[in-house]
Protein backbone atom coordinates (compact mmCIF):
# COMPACT_ATOMS: atom_id res chain seq x y z
CA MET A 1 -88.11 78.23 -19.86
CA MET A 2 -88.72 74.92 -21.57
CA PHE A 3 -85.99 75.39 -24.20
CA ASP A 4 -82.95 77.58 -24.61
CA THR A 5 -83.83 80.92 -26.13
CA ASP A 6 -82.70 84.49 -26.11
CA PRO A 7 -84.53 86.37 -23.32
CA GLU A 8 -84.83 89.32 -25.69
CA GLU A 9 -86.69 87.08 -28.17
CA PHE A 10 -89.12 86.06 -25.49
CA ARG A 11 -89.67 89.65 -24.42
CA SER A 12 -90.47 90.58 -28.04
CA PHE A 13 -92.95 87.72 -28.26
CA GLU A 14 -94.55 88.68 -24.95
CA GLU A 15 -94.83 92.33 -25.95
CA LEU A 16 -96.56 91.42 -29.21
CA LEU A 17 -99.06 89.16 -27.46
CA ARG A 18 -99.86 91.77 -24.82
CA ALA A 19 -100.77 94.16 -27.64
CA GLY A 20 -103.76 91.89 -28.26
CA THR A 21 -105.10 92.06 -24.71
CA ASP A 22 -108.27 94.01 -25.53
CA ILE A 23 -109.34 91.22 -27.90
CA ALA A 24 -107.84 88.05 -26.42
CA GLY A 25 -108.11 89.00 -22.75
CA GLY A 26 -107.09 86.20 -20.40
CA ALA A 27 -105.79 84.06 -23.25
CA ILE A 28 -102.66 86.23 -23.28
CA GLY A 29 -101.34 84.92 -19.95
CA GLY A 30 -102.04 81.33 -20.91
CA ALA A 31 -100.20 81.67 -24.21
CA ILE A 32 -97.17 83.31 -22.62
CA GLY A 33 -97.12 80.55 -20.00
CA PHE A 34 -97.26 77.82 -22.64
CA VAL A 35 -94.38 79.25 -24.66
CA GLY A 36 -92.42 79.96 -21.48
CA GLY A 37 -92.90 76.41 -20.24
CA GLY A 38 -95.09 77.25 -17.29
CA LEU A 39 -98.30 75.48 -18.34
CA PRO A 40 -99.21 71.77 -18.21
CA GLY A 41 -100.14 71.75 -21.91
CA ALA A 42 -96.57 72.31 -22.95
CA VAL A 43 -95.27 69.62 -20.59
CA ALA A 44 -98.00 67.11 -21.49
CA GLY A 45 -97.08 67.47 -25.13
CA GLY A 46 -93.70 65.84 -24.55
CA ALA A 47 -91.42 66.79 -27.40
CA ALA A 48 -94.33 68.40 -29.25
CA GLY A 49 -94.81 71.13 -26.65
CA PRO A 50 -91.38 72.74 -27.05
CA LEU A 51 -91.55 72.46 -30.84
CA PHE A 52 -94.91 74.20 -31.01
CA ALA A 53 -93.63 76.79 -28.56
CA ARG A 54 -90.56 77.41 -30.70
CA THR A 55 -92.74 77.83 -33.80
CA PHE A 56 -94.99 80.40 -32.14
CA LEU A 57 -92.02 82.20 -30.59
CA SER A 58 -90.22 82.41 -33.93
CA VAL A 59 -93.24 83.74 -35.81
CA GLY A 60 -94.11 86.16 -33.01
CA LYS A 61 -90.56 87.50 -32.93
CA ASP A 62 -90.59 87.99 -36.70
CA PHE A 63 -93.87 89.92 -36.70
CA HIS A 64 -92.78 92.00 -33.73
CA ARG A 65 -89.86 93.23 -35.83
CA ARG A 66 -92.10 94.24 -38.73
CA PHE A 67 -93.69 97.63 -39.08
CA LEU A 68 -97.25 97.09 -37.89
CA SER A 69 -99.87 99.69 -37.18
CA PRO A 70 -101.21 99.65 -33.61
CA ARG A 71 -104.36 97.84 -34.70
CA GLU A 72 -102.37 95.29 -36.71
CA GLN A 73 -100.33 94.60 -33.57
CA THR A 74 -103.57 94.07 -31.67
CA ARG A 75 -104.93 91.61 -34.25
CA VAL A 76 -101.68 89.66 -34.62
CA GLY A 77 -101.04 89.47 -30.89
CA ALA A 78 -104.60 88.34 -30.19
CA VAL A 79 -104.62 85.61 -32.84
CA LEU A 80 -101.26 84.24 -31.76
CA ALA A 81 -102.45 84.09 -28.15
CA LEU A 82 -105.73 82.39 -29.05
CA ALA A 83 -103.97 79.94 -31.38
CA VAL A 84 -101.41 78.99 -28.72
CA ASN A 85 -104.23 78.28 -26.28
CA LYS A 86 -106.10 76.19 -28.84
CA THR A 87 -102.89 74.22 -29.49
CA SER A 88 -102.41 73.67 -25.76
CA GLU A 89 -106.03 72.53 -25.45
CA ASN A 90 -105.56 69.96 -28.23
CA ILE A 91 -102.38 68.65 -26.61
CA MET A 92 -104.10 68.31 -23.24
CA ARG A 93 -106.91 66.36 -24.91
CA GLY A 94 -104.35 63.85 -26.14
CA LYS A 95 -104.68 64.68 -29.81
CA GLU A 96 -101.79 63.49 -31.94
CA GLN A 97 -100.02 65.66 -34.46
CA ASN A 98 -100.31 64.90 -38.14
CA PRO A 99 -96.64 64.15 -38.95
CA LYS A 100 -97.05 65.93 -42.30
CA LEU A 101 -97.85 69.15 -40.47
CA ALA A 102 -95.84 68.66 -37.29
CA ALA A 103 -93.57 71.36 -36.00
CA ALA A 104 -90.17 69.92 -36.79
CA GLY A 105 -87.95 72.55 -35.22
CA THR A 106 -86.27 73.13 -38.56
CA LYS A 107 -85.74 76.52 -40.11
CA ARG A 108 -88.57 76.16 -42.63
CA ASP A 109 -90.88 73.44 -41.32
CA SER A 110 -94.47 73.27 -42.56
CA ALA A 111 -95.93 74.25 -39.18
CA LYS A 112 -94.01 77.53 -39.21
CA GLU A 113 -94.99 78.25 -42.81
CA LEU A 114 -98.66 77.72 -42.00
CA CYS A 115 -98.40 79.92 -38.93
CA GLU A 116 -96.72 82.71 -40.91
CA ALA A 117 -99.29 82.50 -43.71
CA LEU A 118 -102.24 82.74 -41.35
CA VAL A 119 -100.79 85.50 -39.19
CA LEU A 120 -100.00 87.48 -42.32
CA ALA A 121 -103.64 87.08 -43.37
CA VAL A 122 -104.72 88.38 -39.96
CA GLN A 123 -102.47 91.41 -40.27
CA ARG A 124 -104.17 92.38 -43.54
CA ASP A 125 -107.76 91.45 -42.69
CA PRO A 126 -109.71 94.21 -40.91
CA GLU A 127 -112.73 91.98 -40.13
CA GLU A 128 -111.94 91.36 -36.47
CA LYS A 129 -114.92 89.06 -35.95
CA LYS A 130 -112.91 86.50 -37.92
CA LEU A 131 -109.95 86.53 -35.51
CA LYS A 132 -111.19 83.81 -33.15
CA PHE A 133 -111.90 81.53 -36.10
CA TYR A 134 -108.51 82.18 -37.72
CA ALA A 135 -106.97 81.19 -34.38
CA ASN A 136 -109.06 78.00 -34.22
CA LEU A 137 -107.87 77.04 -37.70
CA LEU A 138 -104.22 77.63 -36.79
CA GLY A 139 -104.53 75.73 -33.52
CA ASN A 140 -106.44 72.78 -35.03
CA LEU A 141 -104.70 72.25 -38.38
CA PRO A 142 -101.57 70.48 -37.04
CA PHE A 143 -103.81 67.83 -35.45
CA GLU A 144 -105.97 67.20 -38.52
CA LYS A 145 -105.50 63.65 -39.78
CA GLU A 146 -104.99 62.74 -43.44
CA ILE A 147 -104.13 66.20 -44.70
CA ASP A 148 -100.86 67.38 -46.18
CA ALA A 149 -99.19 70.78 -46.23
CA GLY A 150 -100.65 71.67 -49.63
CA GLU A 151 -104.20 71.04 -48.44
CA ALA A 152 -103.53 72.94 -45.21
CA HIS A 153 -102.32 75.99 -47.15
CA GLN A 154 -105.38 75.71 -49.39
CA LEU A 155 -107.65 75.86 -46.34
CA THR A 156 -105.74 78.88 -45.05
CA ARG A 157 -106.13 80.70 -48.37
CA LEU A 158 -109.82 79.87 -48.55
CA ALA A 159 -110.39 81.13 -45.00
CA GLN A 160 -108.55 84.34 -45.81
CA GLY A 161 -110.66 84.88 -48.94
CA LEU A 162 -114.02 84.61 -47.19
CA THR A 163 -115.79 87.49 -45.52
CA TYR A 164 -117.21 87.13 -42.05
CA ARG A 165 -120.71 87.03 -43.52
CA GLN A 166 -119.66 84.16 -45.79
CA LEU A 167 -118.40 82.27 -42.74
CA CYS A 168 -121.81 82.91 -41.17
CA LEU A 169 -123.54 81.59 -44.30
CA LEU A 170 -121.33 78.49 -44.26
CA ALA A 171 -122.39 77.86 -40.66
CA VAL A 172 -126.06 78.46 -41.55
CA PHE A 173 -125.93 75.81 -44.27
CA ALA A 174 -124.02 73.42 -42.00
CA GLU A 175 -126.73 73.81 -39.37
CA ALA A 176 -129.65 74.15 -41.79
CA GLY A 177 -132.03 72.34 -39.44
CA ARG A 178 -131.97 75.38 -37.14
CA PHE A 179 -133.17 77.71 -39.89
CA ARG A 180 -136.28 77.54 -42.07
CA LEU A 181 -134.52 78.09 -45.38
CA ARG A 182 -136.40 78.88 -48.58
CA ASP A 183 -137.34 75.72 -50.47
CA SER A 184 -137.34 77.22 -53.96
CA HIS A 185 -135.09 79.23 -56.28
CA TYR A 186 -135.16 82.97 -57.04
CA ILE A 187 -135.82 82.90 -60.77
CA GLY A 188 -138.37 85.62 -61.46
CA TYR A 189 -138.52 86.52 -57.78
CA ALA A 190 -140.44 89.80 -57.60
CA ALA A 191 -139.30 90.87 -54.12
CA MET A 192 -135.57 90.95 -54.88
CA THR A 193 -133.78 93.69 -52.94
CA GLN A 194 -130.18 94.88 -53.07
CA SER A 195 -129.54 93.32 -49.65
CA LEU A 196 -130.88 89.93 -50.75
CA LEU A 197 -128.92 90.11 -53.98
CA SER A 198 -125.73 90.80 -52.01
CA VAL A 199 -126.29 87.72 -49.83
CA LEU A 200 -127.11 85.54 -52.86
CA LEU A 201 -123.89 86.65 -54.53
CA ASP A 202 -121.99 85.62 -51.37
CA VAL A 203 -123.66 82.20 -51.52
CA TYR A 204 -122.89 81.89 -55.23
CA GLU A 205 -119.22 82.62 -54.54
CA LEU A 206 -119.17 79.87 -51.90
CA TRP A 207 -120.61 77.53 -54.54
CA THR A 208 -118.10 78.50 -57.25
CA ARG A 209 -115.26 77.81 -54.80
CA GLN A 210 -116.84 74.41 -54.03
CA ILE A 211 -117.13 75.31 -50.36
CA VAL A 212 -120.82 74.43 -50.54
CA GLY A 213 -122.70 72.27 -53.02
CA SER A 214 -126.23 71.61 -54.12
CA GLY A 215 -126.37 67.93 -55.06
CA THR A 216 -127.23 67.50 -58.73
CA LEU A 217 -128.49 71.07 -59.02
CA VAL A 218 -126.30 73.23 -61.27
CA LEU A 219 -126.10 76.90 -60.32
CA THR A 220 -125.37 78.88 -63.46
CA THR A 221 -126.42 82.21 -61.91
CA TYR A 222 -127.21 83.50 -58.44
CA ASP A 223 -130.99 83.30 -59.01
CA HIS A 224 -130.76 79.50 -59.37
CA ILE A 225 -129.81 79.26 -55.68
CA HIS A 226 -132.20 77.01 -53.77
CA PRO A 227 -131.27 77.62 -50.09
CA ALA A 228 -132.87 74.47 -48.65
CA ARG A 229 -130.83 72.35 -51.06
CA ILE A 230 -127.42 73.87 -50.31
CA GLU A 231 -125.10 71.35 -48.65
CA VAL A 232 -121.78 71.64 -46.84
CA HIS A 233 -119.23 68.95 -47.62
CA GLY A 234 -115.58 68.43 -48.51
CA VAL A 235 -113.46 71.53 -48.02
CA GLY A 236 -116.46 73.44 -46.64
CA GLY A 237 -116.99 70.81 -43.97
CA ARG A 238 -113.34 70.99 -42.99
CA LEU A 239 -113.43 74.76 -42.73
CA TYR A 240 -116.59 74.61 -40.62
CA ARG A 241 -115.06 72.06 -38.27
CA LEU A 242 -111.50 73.36 -37.99
CA MET A 243 -112.51 77.00 -37.64
CA GLU A 244 -115.18 75.89 -35.14
CA LEU A 245 -117.81 78.02 -36.85
CA ARG A 246 -120.44 76.46 -34.59
CA ASP A 247 -119.33 79.11 -32.09
CA ILE A 248 -120.40 82.05 -34.23
CA MET A 249 -122.80 84.28 -32.30
CA PRO A 250 -126.43 83.18 -32.92
CA THR A 251 -127.40 86.78 -33.66
CA ASP A 252 -124.85 86.92 -36.49
CA LEU A 253 -126.12 83.63 -37.92
CA GLU A 254 -129.70 84.89 -37.76
CA GLU A 255 -128.71 88.12 -39.50
CA ALA A 256 -127.34 86.10 -42.43
CA ALA A 257 -130.13 83.51 -42.46
CA GLN A 258 -133.00 85.98 -42.50
CA PHE A 259 -132.42 86.70 -46.18
CA LEU A 260 -132.69 83.00 -47.09
CA ARG A 261 -136.06 82.18 -45.50
């Protein structure tokens, strides 16, 4: 192994990750290899590799000791495996850690706190389509420049608070050129359905959280939404990029976009 650790700790970590096999698949072996020191990503990271490995091992060991339902074990193990692989990928690409978010190897470093917060969110969130994107956020955050721990925790909380459909809507607005969005509001709209209203309320919530904006247009109610004028910027842009929402299945994006034609 790449650092001294209790073999029992590593076995606990490995057991938790293997619980996520039916979701994470081949990522499990890669993650176990990274933490165990058997993959180039850990070596290429210099001192960073062992520190990241220690963070993931510590969090994995802690969650393995908790009472988790079988499906919670599956979700947690899968996200940890996917996040370790995303971290390894960033290291291999030569990305540098943000020192404000770097794994410091201390008992309560910011990297470990972020990892715990996000894995706890995964444990409680039954929307499994979000798992890959939670993992992307966890694996990308430590390499995000010009962001501090407070902002990183804010992004984690925002991601946790959004439904999968809201993530799809965020991606739709970020890639608006792919979709022929409605170029007018819904005031007095005669064809309003419950399904459309539900989607508009999701969009309105994104706006109230300042995840999306609409230029100088003020949205006082959901029927003021003008889909073609919705923009993604600031915190919404960061979520889109760090969660890699561009990888959402096209069919899921289309399902969300069809209500906003």
